[in-house]
Amino acid sequence: MTNTDSADIGVDLEALDAFLLSDRSPENSMGLSDLDGFLTAIVIGPEVLAPGEWLPPIWGGDEPVFADSAEAQTILGTILGRYNQIAAGMDAEPLRFDPLFWIAREGHVIVTDWAAGFLDAVKLRAKAWDPLITHPEARSMIIPMFLMGAEDGDDLPLGQRLLSDGDLDKLLEHGEELIFASVLGIRAFWIEHARKPPHSAGRNRRRSDARARRR
């Protein structure tokens, strides 16, 4: 997993990762990289979502089994802490964005899980994301997320199609750079979109099977 400085606000990503990989976490729960993409989309997205709406999807529709209330507080607190950490980075000057990507045994960065998690958050409020997805120019900022994170063609918007293996490999070679550019562009789009009067808004209208290790 690529590094991120979480110690300054006490976010124990090691403990969270261990729990997500344990038998007490639901089988369909997100992994740490998926979760990071998911939280990033919630932070920079068009609407403010309460934790009560976005915490359940993390567990894939089931309930985690915590050893006790202390562990529940630790794990849920870490998830909320990572959310706050991402939000603080986005508001920092200069802006700070430190996504959590897996590093494959062969040494390459895996971005597909992160992108899939990002799309999971988009689906929570699909209609709210429409002004970006349907914008004739700005939609180019989110299309890489769909191409890298979509599990099948049904997840792709507006006639997009899944890439061939060769084309996808070429795209993934620049996955880190694309995600950085996409996140910053998407954030800027929604900030600008929020400044526009309501009458103008309408016009601007997974998972990897690779075995990974921490860096």
N, C-alpha and C. Protein backbone atom coordinates (compact mmCIF):
# COMPACT_ATOMS: atom_id res chain seq x y z
N MET A 1 0.85 -1.19 0.00
CA MET A 1 0.00 0.00 0.00
C MET A 1 0.88 1.23 0.00
N THR A 2 0.61 2.17 -0.88
CA THR A 2 1.39 3.39 -0.90
C THR A 2 1.18 4.16 0.39
N ASN A 3 2.17 4.94 0.76
CA ASN A 3 2.18 5.58 2.06
C ASN A 3 1.22 6.76 2.12
N THR A 4 0.71 7.00 3.30
CA THR A 4 -0.01 8.23 3.60
C THR A 4 0.27 8.57 5.05
N ASP A 5 0.42 9.82 5.36
CA ASP A 5 0.78 10.23 6.71
C ASP A 5 -0.47 10.34 7.57
N SER A 6 -0.81 9.26 8.26
CA SER A 6 -2.02 9.24 9.07
C SER A 6 -1.74 9.44 10.55
N ALA A 7 -0.49 9.41 10.94
CA ALA A 7 -0.17 9.44 12.37
C ALA A 7 -0.56 10.76 13.02
N ASP A 8 -0.57 11.86 12.20
CA ASP A 8 -0.80 13.17 12.80
C ASP A 8 -2.19 13.29 13.39
N ILE A 9 -3.17 12.52 12.91
CA ILE A 9 -4.50 12.62 13.50
C ILE A 9 -4.95 11.27 14.06
N GLY A 10 -4.01 10.37 14.25
CA GLY A 10 -4.31 9.13 14.94
C GLY A 10 -5.15 8.15 14.16
N VAL A 11 -5.05 8.13 12.84
CA VAL A 11 -5.81 7.18 12.03
C VAL A 11 -4.97 5.91 11.87
N ASP A 12 -5.41 4.82 12.49
CA ASP A 12 -4.67 3.57 12.47
C ASP A 12 -5.12 2.72 11.28
N LEU A 13 -4.54 2.96 10.12
CA LEU A 13 -4.92 2.24 8.92
C LEU A 13 -4.51 0.78 8.97
N GLU A 14 -3.45 0.47 9.70
CA GLU A 14 -3.02 -0.92 9.84
C GLU A 14 -4.11 -1.74 10.54
N ALA A 15 -4.66 -1.20 11.62
CA ALA A 15 -5.71 -1.92 12.34
C ALA A 15 -6.97 -2.05 11.50
N LEU A 16 -7.29 -1.01 10.77
CA LEU A 16 -8.47 -1.06 9.90
C LEU A 16 -8.29 -2.09 8.81
N ASP A 17 -7.13 -2.12 8.19
CA ASP A 17 -6.85 -3.09 7.13
C ASP A 17 -6.95 -4.51 7.67
N ALA A 18 -6.38 -4.74 8.85
CA ALA A 18 -6.43 -6.07 9.45
C ALA A 18 -7.87 -6.51 9.70
N PHE A 19 -8.71 -5.59 10.16
CA PHE A 19 -10.10 -5.96 10.42
C PHE A 19 -10.84 -6.24 9.12
N LEU A 20 -10.62 -5.42 8.10
CA LEU A 20 -11.30 -5.63 6.82
C LEU A 20 -10.94 -6.97 6.19
N LEU A 21 -9.74 -7.44 6.48
CA LEU A 21 -9.29 -8.72 5.92
C LEU A 21 -9.64 -9.91 6.82
N SER A 22 -10.18 -9.63 8.00
CA SER A 22 -10.46 -10.71 8.94
C SER A 22 -11.79 -11.38 8.64
N ASP A 23 -12.01 -12.54 9.28
CA ASP A 23 -13.27 -13.27 9.10
C ASP A 23 -14.45 -12.56 9.73
N ARG A 24 -14.19 -11.60 10.60
CA ARG A 24 -15.27 -10.89 11.27
C ARG A 24 -15.80 -9.72 10.45
N SER A 25 -15.11 -9.42 9.37
CA SER A 25 -15.62 -8.44 8.43
C SER A 25 -16.42 -9.18 7.35
N PRO A 26 -17.59 -8.69 6.94
CA PRO A 26 -18.41 -9.39 5.95
C PRO A 26 -17.63 -9.71 4.68
N GLU A 27 -17.98 -10.82 4.06
CA GLU A 27 -17.25 -11.29 2.88
C GLU A 27 -17.22 -10.25 1.77
N ASN A 28 -18.32 -9.50 1.62
CA ASN A 28 -18.41 -8.52 0.53
C ASN A 28 -18.06 -7.10 0.97
N SER A 29 -17.41 -6.96 2.12
CA SER A 29 -17.02 -5.63 2.55
C SER A 29 -15.90 -5.09 1.68
N MET A 30 -15.72 -3.79 1.70
CA MET A 30 -14.67 -3.16 0.92
C MET A 30 -13.31 -3.48 1.51
N GLY A 31 -12.30 -3.45 0.64
CA GLY A 31 -10.93 -3.49 1.09
C GLY A 31 -10.46 -2.07 1.39
N LEU A 32 -9.25 -1.94 1.88
CA LEU A 32 -8.77 -0.63 2.31
C LEU A 32 -8.67 0.35 1.14
N SER A 33 -8.20 -0.10 -0.02
CA SER A 33 -8.07 0.80 -1.17
C SER A 33 -9.45 1.18 -1.72
N ASP A 34 -10.37 0.20 -1.82
CA ASP A 34 -11.75 0.50 -2.23
C ASP A 34 -12.35 1.56 -1.31
N LEU A 35 -12.18 1.34 -0.02
CA LEU A 35 -12.74 2.25 0.98
C LEU A 35 -12.19 3.65 0.81
N ASP A 36 -10.92 3.76 0.50
CA ASP A 36 -10.30 5.07 0.34
C ASP A 36 -10.88 5.80 -0.86
N GLY A 37 -11.08 5.11 -1.97
CA GLY A 37 -11.71 5.73 -3.12
C GLY A 37 -13.14 6.13 -2.83
N PHE A 38 -13.85 5.26 -2.11
CA PHE A 38 -15.23 5.52 -1.71
C PHE A 38 -15.33 6.79 -0.87
N LEU A 39 -14.48 6.91 0.13
CA LEU A 39 -14.51 8.08 1.00
C LEU A 39 -14.13 9.35 0.24
N THR A 40 -13.19 9.24 -0.68
CA THR A 40 -12.77 10.41 -1.45
C THR A 40 -13.92 10.95 -2.28
N ALA A 41 -14.68 10.06 -2.93
CA ALA A 41 -15.82 10.50 -3.73
C ALA A 41 -16.88 11.16 -2.86
N ILE A 42 -17.08 10.65 -1.66
CA ILE A 42 -18.06 11.26 -0.75
C ILE A 42 -17.60 12.66 -0.35
N VAL A 43 -16.30 12.81 -0.07
CA VAL A 43 -15.77 14.10 0.34
C VAL A 43 -15.91 15.14 -0.76
N ILE A 44 -15.57 14.79 -2.00
CA ILE A 44 -15.54 15.79 -3.07
C ILE A 44 -16.83 15.84 -3.87
N GLY A 45 -17.80 15.00 -3.56
CA GLY A 45 -19.02 14.88 -4.35
C GLY A 45 -19.96 16.06 -4.25
N PRO A 46 -21.06 16.00 -4.98
CA PRO A 46 -21.98 17.14 -5.10
C PRO A 46 -22.85 17.41 -3.88
N GLU A 47 -23.04 16.41 -3.02
CA GLU A 47 -23.92 16.56 -1.87
C GLU A 47 -23.24 16.04 -0.60
N VAL A 48 -23.61 16.62 0.51
CA VAL A 48 -23.11 16.15 1.80
C VAL A 48 -23.92 14.94 2.23
N LEU A 49 -23.25 13.85 2.52
CA LEU A 49 -23.92 12.62 2.96
C LEU A 49 -23.59 12.37 4.43
N ALA A 50 -24.60 12.01 5.18
CA ALA A 50 -24.39 11.67 6.59
C ALA A 50 -23.75 10.29 6.69
N PRO A 51 -22.94 10.04 7.70
CA PRO A 51 -22.33 8.71 7.88
C PRO A 51 -23.34 7.58 7.89
N GLY A 52 -24.54 7.84 8.39
CA GLY A 52 -25.56 6.80 8.43
C GLY A 52 -25.94 6.30 7.05
N GLU A 53 -25.69 7.10 6.03
CA GLU A 53 -26.00 6.67 4.66
C GLU A 53 -24.82 5.95 4.02
N TRP A 54 -23.60 6.39 4.30
CA TRP A 54 -22.48 5.79 3.59
C TRP A 54 -21.70 4.72 4.37
N LEU A 55 -21.95 4.59 5.66
CA LEU A 55 -21.27 3.52 6.40
C LEU A 55 -21.77 2.12 6.02
N PRO A 56 -23.09 1.87 5.91
CA PRO A 56 -23.55 0.51 5.58
C PRO A 56 -22.99 -0.08 4.29
N PRO A 57 -22.88 0.68 3.19
CA PRO A 57 -22.31 0.08 1.97
C PRO A 57 -20.88 -0.41 2.12
N ILE A 58 -20.17 0.12 3.09
CA ILE A 58 -18.78 -0.33 3.30
C ILE A 58 -18.75 -1.83 3.62
N TRP A 59 -19.80 -2.31 4.29
CA TRP A 59 -19.84 -3.71 4.72
C TRP A 59 -20.57 -4.60 3.73
N GLY A 60 -20.93 -4.07 2.57
CA GLY A 60 -21.54 -4.89 1.53
C GLY A 60 -22.93 -5.41 1.86
N GLY A 61 -23.65 -4.70 2.70
CA GLY A 61 -25.01 -5.10 3.02
C GLY A 61 -25.13 -6.00 4.23
N ASP A 62 -24.03 -6.45 4.80
CA ASP A 62 -24.05 -7.27 6.01
C ASP A 62 -23.53 -6.46 7.20
N GLU A 63 -23.46 -7.11 8.34
CA GLU A 63 -23.00 -6.44 9.55
C GLU A 63 -21.65 -7.02 9.98
N PRO A 64 -20.69 -6.15 10.32
CA PRO A 64 -19.43 -6.67 10.86
C PRO A 64 -19.64 -7.23 12.26
N VAL A 65 -18.75 -8.11 12.67
CA VAL A 65 -18.82 -8.69 14.01
C VAL A 65 -17.64 -8.15 14.81
N PHE A 66 -17.91 -7.23 15.69
CA PHE A 66 -16.86 -6.64 16.51
C PHE A 66 -16.69 -7.46 17.79
N ALA A 67 -15.45 -7.54 18.24
CA ALA A 67 -15.16 -8.30 19.46
C ALA A 67 -15.84 -7.68 20.67
N ASP A 68 -15.88 -6.36 20.69
CA ASP A 68 -16.51 -5.66 21.81
C ASP A 68 -16.75 -4.21 21.38
N SER A 69 -17.30 -3.43 22.27
CA SER A 69 -17.62 -2.04 21.94
C SER A 69 -16.36 -1.22 21.69
N ALA A 70 -15.27 -1.60 22.34
CA ALA A 70 -14.02 -0.87 22.14
C ALA A 70 -13.51 -1.06 20.72
N GLU A 71 -13.59 -2.29 20.21
CA GLU A 71 -13.15 -2.53 18.83
C GLU A 71 -14.06 -1.81 17.84
N ALA A 72 -15.36 -1.84 18.10
CA ALA A 72 -16.30 -1.14 17.22
C ALA A 72 -15.96 0.35 17.17
N GLN A 73 -15.67 0.92 18.32
CA GLN A 73 -15.33 2.33 18.38
C GLN A 73 -14.04 2.61 17.63
N THR A 74 -13.08 1.70 17.76
CA THR A 74 -11.79 1.88 17.09
C THR A 74 -11.95 1.83 15.57
N ILE A 75 -12.65 0.81 15.07
CA ILE A 75 -12.78 0.62 13.62
C ILE A 75 -13.63 1.73 13.01
N LEU A 76 -14.79 1.99 13.59
CA LEU A 76 -15.65 3.04 13.04
C LEU A 76 -14.99 4.41 13.19
N GLY A 77 -14.29 4.60 14.29
CA GLY A 77 -13.59 5.86 14.48
C GLY A 77 -12.48 6.05 13.47
N THR A 78 -11.82 4.96 13.09
CA THR A 78 -10.76 5.04 12.09
C THR A 78 -11.33 5.38 10.72
N ILE A 79 -12.46 4.78 10.38
CA ILE A 79 -13.10 5.10 9.09
C ILE A 79 -13.49 6.58 9.05
N LEU A 80 -14.12 7.06 10.12
CA LEU A 80 -14.49 8.46 10.18
C LEU A 80 -13.25 9.36 10.21
N GLY A 81 -12.20 8.88 10.87
CA GLY A 81 -10.96 9.64 10.90
C GLY A 81 -10.34 9.77 9.53
N ARG A 82 -10.37 8.69 8.75
CA ARG A 82 -9.83 8.75 7.39
C ARG A 82 -10.67 9.69 6.53
N TYR A 83 -11.99 9.66 6.70
CA TYR A 83 -12.86 10.60 5.99
C TYR A 83 -12.44 12.03 6.31
N ASN A 84 -12.28 12.33 7.59
CA ASN A 84 -11.89 13.68 8.01
C ASN A 84 -10.50 14.04 7.50
N GLN A 85 -9.62 13.06 7.44
CA GLN A 85 -8.27 13.29 6.95
C GLN A 85 -8.30 13.69 5.46
N ILE A 86 -9.09 12.97 4.68
CA ILE A 86 -9.22 13.30 3.26
C ILE A 86 -9.80 14.69 3.10
N ALA A 87 -10.86 14.99 3.86
CA ALA A 87 -11.51 16.31 3.78
C ALA A 87 -10.53 17.42 4.15
N ALA A 88 -9.75 17.20 5.20
CA ALA A 88 -8.78 18.21 5.62
C ALA A 88 -7.72 18.43 4.55
N GLY A 89 -7.30 17.35 3.90
CA GLY A 89 -6.31 17.48 2.83
C GLY A 89 -6.84 18.27 1.66
N MET A 90 -8.11 18.07 1.34
CA MET A 90 -8.72 18.78 0.22
C MET A 90 -8.86 20.28 0.51
N ASP A 91 -8.98 20.62 1.79
CA ASP A 91 -9.13 22.02 2.17
C ASP A 91 -7.79 22.68 2.52
N ALA A 92 -6.73 21.89 2.52
CA ALA A 92 -5.42 22.41 2.90
C ALA A 92 -4.86 23.32 1.82
N GLU A 93 -3.91 24.16 2.20
CA GLU A 93 -3.23 25.04 1.26
C GLU A 93 -1.72 24.87 1.45
N PRO A 94 -1.03 24.20 0.52
CA PRO A 94 -1.57 23.65 -0.73
C PRO A 94 -2.39 22.39 -0.48
N LEU A 95 -3.25 22.09 -1.44
CA LEU A 95 -4.11 20.91 -1.33
C LEU A 95 -3.27 19.66 -1.16
N ARG A 96 -3.74 18.73 -0.30
CA ARG A 96 -3.00 17.49 -0.03
C ARG A 96 -3.91 16.29 -0.34
N PHE A 97 -3.45 15.45 -1.26
CA PHE A 97 -4.23 14.27 -1.66
C PHE A 97 -3.31 13.06 -1.67
N ASP A 98 -3.55 12.12 -0.75
CA ASP A 98 -2.69 10.95 -0.58
C ASP A 98 -3.51 9.67 -0.66
N PRO A 99 -3.90 9.25 -1.86
CA PRO A 99 -4.74 8.05 -2.00
C PRO A 99 -4.01 6.79 -1.60
N LEU A 100 -4.76 5.79 -1.15
CA LEU A 100 -4.19 4.51 -0.74
C LEU A 100 -4.35 3.51 -1.87
N PHE A 101 -3.26 3.24 -2.57
CA PHE A 101 -3.25 2.26 -3.64
C PHE A 101 -2.46 1.02 -3.20
N TRP A 102 -2.93 -0.14 -3.65
CA TRP A 102 -2.16 -1.36 -3.42
C TRP A 102 -0.97 -1.41 -4.36
N ILE A 103 0.10 -2.04 -3.89
CA ILE A 103 1.28 -2.30 -4.71
C ILE A 103 1.37 -3.80 -4.94
N ALA A 104 1.32 -4.22 -6.19
CA ALA A 104 1.38 -5.65 -6.52
C ALA A 104 2.77 -6.19 -6.22
N ARG A 105 2.86 -7.51 -6.10
CA ARG A 105 4.15 -8.15 -5.83
C ARG A 105 5.17 -7.82 -6.92
N GLU A 106 4.68 -7.61 -8.13
CA GLU A 106 5.57 -7.29 -9.24
C GLU A 106 6.05 -5.84 -9.19
N GLY A 107 5.45 -5.05 -8.32
CA GLY A 107 5.91 -3.68 -8.12
C GLY A 107 5.03 -2.60 -8.72
N HIS A 108 4.04 -2.97 -9.53
CA HIS A 108 3.21 -1.94 -10.15
C HIS A 108 2.07 -1.54 -9.20
N VAL A 109 1.59 -0.35 -9.39
CA VAL A 109 0.50 0.19 -8.57
C VAL A 109 -0.84 -0.30 -9.10
N ILE A 110 -1.71 -0.75 -8.20
CA ILE A 110 -3.05 -1.21 -8.56
C ILE A 110 -4.04 -0.09 -8.24
N VAL A 111 -4.68 0.46 -9.27
CA VAL A 111 -5.61 1.56 -9.07
C VAL A 111 -7.07 1.15 -9.27
N THR A 112 -7.30 -0.07 -9.77
CA THR A 112 -8.66 -0.47 -10.11
C THR A 112 -9.56 -0.57 -8.88
N ASP A 113 -9.03 -1.07 -7.77
CA ASP A 113 -9.83 -1.17 -6.55
C ASP A 113 -10.25 0.21 -6.07
N TRP A 114 -9.32 1.14 -6.08
CA TRP A 114 -9.60 2.51 -5.63
C TRP A 114 -10.69 3.13 -6.51
N ALA A 115 -10.55 2.97 -7.82
CA ALA A 115 -11.54 3.53 -8.75
C ALA A 115 -12.90 2.88 -8.55
N ALA A 116 -12.93 1.57 -8.29
CA ALA A 116 -14.20 0.87 -8.05
C ALA A 116 -14.88 1.42 -6.80
N GLY A 117 -14.11 1.68 -5.75
CA GLY A 117 -14.68 2.27 -4.54
C GLY A 117 -15.24 3.65 -4.80
N PHE A 118 -14.54 4.43 -5.61
CA PHE A 118 -15.02 5.76 -5.97
C PHE A 118 -16.39 5.66 -6.64
N LEU A 119 -16.53 4.71 -7.57
CA LEU A 119 -17.80 4.54 -8.28
C LEU A 119 -18.91 4.08 -7.35
N ASP A 120 -18.57 3.29 -6.34
CA ASP A 120 -19.58 2.86 -5.37
C ASP A 120 -20.22 4.06 -4.69
N ALA A 121 -19.41 5.09 -4.41
CA ALA A 121 -19.95 6.29 -3.79
C ALA A 121 -20.79 7.09 -4.78
N VAL A 122 -20.36 7.14 -6.03
CA VAL A 122 -21.15 7.84 -7.05
C VAL A 122 -22.55 7.24 -7.15
N LYS A 123 -22.64 5.92 -7.07
CA LYS A 123 -23.93 5.24 -7.20
C LYS A 123 -24.89 5.57 -6.06
N LEU A 124 -24.35 5.98 -4.92
CA LEU A 124 -25.22 6.34 -3.79
C LEU A 124 -26.11 7.52 -4.13
N ARG A 125 -25.61 8.43 -4.93
CA ARG A 125 -26.37 9.62 -5.33
C ARG A 125 -26.19 9.85 -6.83
N ALA A 126 -26.57 8.86 -7.63
CA ALA A 126 -26.31 8.91 -9.07
C ALA A 126 -26.91 10.15 -9.72
N LYS A 127 -28.13 10.52 -9.35
CA LYS A 127 -28.78 11.69 -9.96
C LYS A 127 -28.00 12.97 -9.65
N ALA A 128 -27.48 13.06 -8.46
CA ALA A 128 -26.73 14.26 -8.08
C ALA A 128 -25.44 14.39 -8.89
N TRP A 129 -24.88 13.27 -9.33
CA TRP A 129 -23.65 13.28 -10.12
C TRP A 129 -23.91 13.54 -11.60
N ASP A 130 -25.17 13.52 -12.03
CA ASP A 130 -25.51 13.67 -13.44
C ASP A 130 -24.94 14.92 -14.10
N PRO A 131 -24.96 16.09 -13.43
CA PRO A 131 -24.42 17.28 -14.10
C PRO A 131 -22.98 17.13 -14.55
N LEU A 132 -22.19 16.35 -13.82
CA LEU A 132 -20.81 16.08 -14.23
C LEU A 132 -20.76 15.01 -15.31
N ILE A 133 -21.47 13.91 -15.08
CA ILE A 133 -21.40 12.77 -16.00
C ILE A 133 -21.92 13.13 -17.39
N THR A 134 -22.90 14.02 -17.46
CA THR A 134 -23.49 14.38 -18.74
C THR A 134 -22.92 15.67 -19.34
N HIS A 135 -22.05 16.33 -18.62
CA HIS A 135 -21.46 17.57 -19.14
C HIS A 135 -20.58 17.24 -20.34
N PRO A 136 -20.75 17.94 -21.48
CA PRO A 136 -20.01 17.57 -22.70
C PRO A 136 -18.49 17.66 -22.58
N GLU A 137 -18.00 18.49 -21.68
CA GLU A 137 -16.55 18.62 -21.52
C GLU A 137 -16.07 18.05 -20.19
N ALA A 138 -16.73 18.44 -19.11
CA ALA A 138 -16.26 18.05 -17.78
C ALA A 138 -16.36 16.55 -17.53
N ARG A 139 -17.24 15.85 -18.25
CA ARG A 139 -17.37 14.41 -18.04
C ARG A 139 -16.08 13.66 -18.32
N SER A 140 -15.17 14.26 -19.07
CA SER A 140 -13.89 13.61 -19.35
C SER A 140 -13.09 13.38 -18.07
N MET A 141 -13.43 14.12 -17.00
CA MET A 141 -12.70 13.96 -15.75
C MET A 141 -13.10 12.70 -15.00
N ILE A 142 -14.33 12.22 -15.21
CA ILE A 142 -14.77 11.03 -14.47
C ILE A 142 -14.74 9.77 -15.32
N ILE A 143 -14.68 9.91 -16.63
CA ILE A 143 -14.67 8.72 -17.49
C ILE A 143 -13.51 7.78 -17.16
N PRO A 144 -12.30 8.28 -16.86
CA PRO A 144 -11.23 7.33 -16.48
C PRO A 144 -11.60 6.48 -15.27
N MET A 145 -12.36 7.04 -14.32
CA MET A 145 -12.79 6.27 -13.15
C MET A 145 -13.68 5.12 -13.58
N PHE A 146 -14.60 5.38 -14.50
CA PHE A 146 -15.47 4.33 -15.00
C PHE A 146 -14.68 3.27 -15.75
N LEU A 147 -13.77 3.68 -16.58
CA LEU A 147 -13.01 2.72 -17.38
C LEU A 147 -12.10 1.84 -16.52
N MET A 148 -11.55 2.42 -15.44
CA MET A 148 -10.65 1.66 -14.59
C MET A 148 -11.37 0.89 -13.50
N GLY A 149 -12.56 1.38 -13.09
CA GLY A 149 -13.22 0.77 -11.94
C GLY A 149 -14.49 0.01 -12.21
N ALA A 150 -15.07 0.14 -13.42
CA ALA A 150 -16.33 -0.54 -13.72
C ALA A 150 -16.11 -2.04 -13.86
N GLU A 151 -17.05 -2.81 -13.32
CA GLU A 151 -16.95 -4.27 -13.40
C GLU A 151 -17.55 -4.82 -14.69
N ASP A 152 -18.49 -4.10 -15.28
CA ASP A 152 -19.09 -4.55 -16.54
C ASP A 152 -19.61 -3.34 -17.29
N GLY A 153 -20.05 -3.57 -18.53
CA GLY A 153 -20.49 -2.48 -19.37
C GLY A 153 -21.70 -1.75 -18.85
N ASP A 154 -22.51 -2.38 -18.00
CA ASP A 154 -23.69 -1.72 -17.45
C ASP A 154 -23.32 -0.57 -16.52
N ASP A 155 -22.09 -0.58 -16.01
CA ASP A 155 -21.66 0.48 -15.11
C ASP A 155 -21.15 1.71 -15.86
N LEU A 156 -21.00 1.61 -17.17
CA LEU A 156 -20.43 2.71 -17.94
C LEU A 156 -21.51 3.66 -18.42
N PRO A 157 -21.26 4.96 -18.35
CA PRO A 157 -22.29 5.94 -18.71
C PRO A 157 -22.29 6.29 -20.19
N LEU A 158 -23.44 6.66 -20.68
CA LEU A 158 -23.59 7.33 -21.96
C LEU A 158 -22.84 6.67 -23.11
N GLY A 159 -23.05 5.38 -23.25
CA GLY A 159 -22.52 4.69 -24.41
C GLY A 159 -21.05 4.31 -24.36
N GLN A 160 -20.40 4.55 -23.22
CA GLN A 160 -19.02 4.12 -23.10
C GLN A 160 -18.97 2.59 -23.14
N ARG A 161 -17.84 2.05 -23.51
CA ARG A 161 -17.70 0.60 -23.56
C ARG A 161 -16.44 0.19 -22.82
N LEU A 162 -16.44 -1.04 -22.36
CA LEU A 162 -15.25 -1.57 -21.69
C LEU A 162 -14.09 -1.63 -22.68
N LEU A 163 -12.90 -1.35 -22.19
CA LEU A 163 -11.72 -1.39 -23.04
C LEU A 163 -11.25 -2.82 -23.23
N SER A 164 -10.57 -3.06 -24.32
CA SER A 164 -9.91 -4.35 -24.51
C SER A 164 -8.79 -4.45 -23.48
N ASP A 165 -8.32 -5.68 -23.25
CA ASP A 165 -7.26 -5.87 -22.25
C ASP A 165 -6.04 -5.01 -22.55
N GLY A 166 -5.68 -4.94 -23.83
CA GLY A 166 -4.50 -4.16 -24.20
C GLY A 166 -4.69 -2.67 -23.96
N ASP A 167 -5.87 -2.17 -24.33
CA ASP A 167 -6.14 -0.74 -24.12
C ASP A 167 -6.24 -0.42 -22.63
N LEU A 168 -6.84 -1.33 -21.86
CA LEU A 168 -6.94 -1.10 -20.42
C LEU A 168 -5.57 -1.09 -19.78
N ASP A 169 -4.70 -1.99 -20.22
CA ASP A 169 -3.34 -2.02 -19.68
C ASP A 169 -2.62 -0.70 -19.93
N LYS A 170 -2.81 -0.15 -21.11
CA LYS A 170 -2.18 1.14 -21.44
C LYS A 170 -2.73 2.25 -20.55
N LEU A 171 -4.05 2.21 -20.32
CA LEU A 171 -4.67 3.20 -19.45
C LEU A 171 -4.13 3.09 -18.03
N LEU A 172 -4.02 1.85 -17.54
CA LEU A 172 -3.60 1.63 -16.16
C LEU A 172 -2.14 2.01 -15.93
N GLU A 173 -1.36 2.04 -16.99
CA GLU A 173 0.03 2.48 -16.85
C GLU A 173 0.11 3.90 -16.32
N HIS A 174 -0.93 4.67 -16.59
CA HIS A 174 -0.99 6.06 -16.13
C HIS A 174 -2.10 6.24 -15.10
N GLY A 175 -2.49 5.15 -14.44
CA GLY A 175 -3.61 5.19 -13.53
C GLY A 175 -3.45 6.18 -12.39
N GLU A 176 -2.28 6.21 -11.78
CA GLU A 176 -2.07 7.14 -10.66
C GLU A 176 -2.27 8.59 -11.11
N GLU A 177 -1.63 8.95 -12.22
CA GLU A 177 -1.73 10.31 -12.71
C GLU A 177 -3.17 10.66 -13.09
N LEU A 178 -3.87 9.70 -13.70
CA LEU A 178 -5.25 9.94 -14.11
C LEU A 178 -6.15 10.17 -12.89
N ILE A 179 -5.94 9.38 -11.86
CA ILE A 179 -6.77 9.54 -10.66
C ILE A 179 -6.49 10.88 -9.98
N PHE A 180 -5.23 11.25 -9.89
CA PHE A 180 -4.91 12.55 -9.31
C PHE A 180 -5.59 13.67 -10.08
N ALA A 181 -5.45 13.64 -11.40
CA ALA A 181 -6.05 14.69 -12.23
C ALA A 181 -7.57 14.67 -12.14
N SER A 182 -8.16 13.47 -12.13
CA SER A 182 -9.61 13.35 -12.08
C SER A 182 -10.15 13.90 -10.77
N VAL A 183 -9.56 13.51 -9.65
CA VAL A 183 -10.06 13.95 -8.35
C VAL A 183 -9.98 15.47 -8.22
N LEU A 184 -8.86 16.05 -8.61
CA LEU A 184 -8.73 17.50 -8.50
C LEU A 184 -9.69 18.21 -9.44
N GLY A 185 -9.86 17.67 -10.65
CA GLY A 185 -10.79 18.28 -11.59
C GLY A 185 -12.24 18.15 -11.15
N ILE A 186 -12.60 16.97 -10.63
CA ILE A 186 -13.97 16.76 -10.16
C ILE A 186 -14.28 17.67 -8.99
N ARG A 187 -13.35 17.78 -8.07
CA ARG A 187 -13.56 18.67 -6.92
C ARG A 187 -13.78 20.10 -7.39
N ALA A 188 -12.95 20.57 -8.33
CA ALA A 188 -13.09 21.93 -8.84
C ALA A 188 -14.44 22.12 -9.55
N PHE A 189 -14.88 21.09 -10.26
CA PHE A 189 -16.16 21.18 -10.96
C PHE A 189 -17.30 21.40 -9.99
N TRP A 190 -17.33 20.62 -8.91
CA TRP A 190 -18.44 20.75 -7.98
C TRP A 190 -18.39 22.06 -7.19
N ILE A 191 -17.20 22.55 -6.92
CA ILE A 191 -17.09 23.85 -6.26
C ILE A 191 -17.67 24.93 -7.16
N GLU A 192 -17.31 24.90 -8.43
CA GLU A 192 -17.83 25.88 -9.37
C GLU A 192 -19.33 25.69 -9.59
N HIS A 193 -19.76 24.44 -9.66
CA HIS A 193 -21.17 24.14 -9.87
C HIS A 193 -22.03 24.69 -8.73
N ALA A 194 -21.51 24.61 -7.51
CA ALA A 194 -22.26 25.08 -6.35
C ALA A 194 -22.41 26.60 -6.35
N ARG A 195 -21.51 27.29 -7.04
CA ARG A 195 -21.56 28.75 -7.07
C ARG A 195 -22.60 29.27 -8.05
N LYS A 196 -23.04 28.43 -8.99
CA LYS A 196 -23.96 28.88 -10.03
C LYS A 196 -25.38 28.94 -9.49
N PRO A 197 -26.17 29.89 -9.97
CA PRO A 197 -27.57 29.96 -9.52
C PRO A 197 -28.34 28.73 -9.97
N PRO A 198 -29.39 28.32 -9.24
CA PRO A 198 -30.12 27.09 -9.53
C PRO A 198 -30.61 26.98 -10.96
N HIS A 199 -31.04 28.07 -11.60
CA HIS A 199 -31.61 27.97 -12.94
C HIS A 199 -30.59 27.56 -13.98
N SER A 200 -29.28 27.80 -13.70
CA SER A 200 -28.26 27.46 -14.69
C SER A 200 -27.72 26.06 -14.51
N ALA A 201 -28.02 25.42 -13.38
CA ALA A 201 -27.41 24.12 -13.09
C ALA A 201 -27.82 23.07 -14.11
N GLY A 202 -29.06 23.13 -14.59
CA GLY A 202 -29.54 22.11 -15.50
C GLY A 202 -28.84 22.11 -16.83
N ARG A 203 -28.19 23.22 -17.18
CA ARG A 203 -27.54 23.29 -18.48
C ARG A 203 -26.16 22.70 -18.46
N ASN A 204 -25.66 22.42 -17.25
CA ASN A 204 -24.32 21.86 -17.15
C ASN A 204 -24.36 20.41 -16.68
N ARG A 205 -25.47 20.37 -17.42
CA ARG A 205 -25.69 18.98 -17.10
C ARG A 205 -24.72 17.99 -17.86
N ARG A 206 -14.97 -5.76 -9.90
CA ARG A 206 -14.17 -4.87 -9.29
C ARG A 206 -13.17 -5.56 -8.45
N ARG A 207 -13.32 -5.78 -8.39
CA ARG A 207 -12.15 -5.75 -7.53
C ARG A 207 -10.99 -6.59 -8.07
N SER A 208 -9.83 -6.08 -7.75
CA SER A 208 -8.65 -6.77 -8.24
C SER A 208 -8.41 -8.08 -7.50
N ASP A 209 -8.01 -9.10 -8.26
CA ASP A 209 -7.64 -10.37 -7.64
C ASP A 209 -6.16 -10.44 -7.37
N ALA A 210 -5.42 -9.40 -7.75
CA ALA A 210 -3.97 -9.41 -7.56
C ALA A 210 -3.64 -9.45 -6.08
N ARG A 211 -2.61 -10.18 -5.74
CA ARG A 211 -2.16 -10.24 -4.36
C ARG A 211 -1.23 -9.04 -4.15
N ALA A 212 -1.49 -8.31 -3.11
CA ALA A 212 -0.77 -7.05 -2.92
C ALA A 212 -0.01 -7.06 -1.62
N ARG A 213 0.90 -6.16 -1.51
CA ARG A 213 1.67 -6.00 -0.30
C ARG A 213 1.77 -4.52 -0.01
N ARG A 214 2.13 -4.19 1.22
CA ARG A 214 2.36 -2.79 1.55
C ARG A 214 3.77 -2.39 1.17
N ARG A 215 3.90 -1.17 0.70
CA ARG A 215 5.23 -0.65 0.41
C ARG A 215 5.88 -0.18 1.70
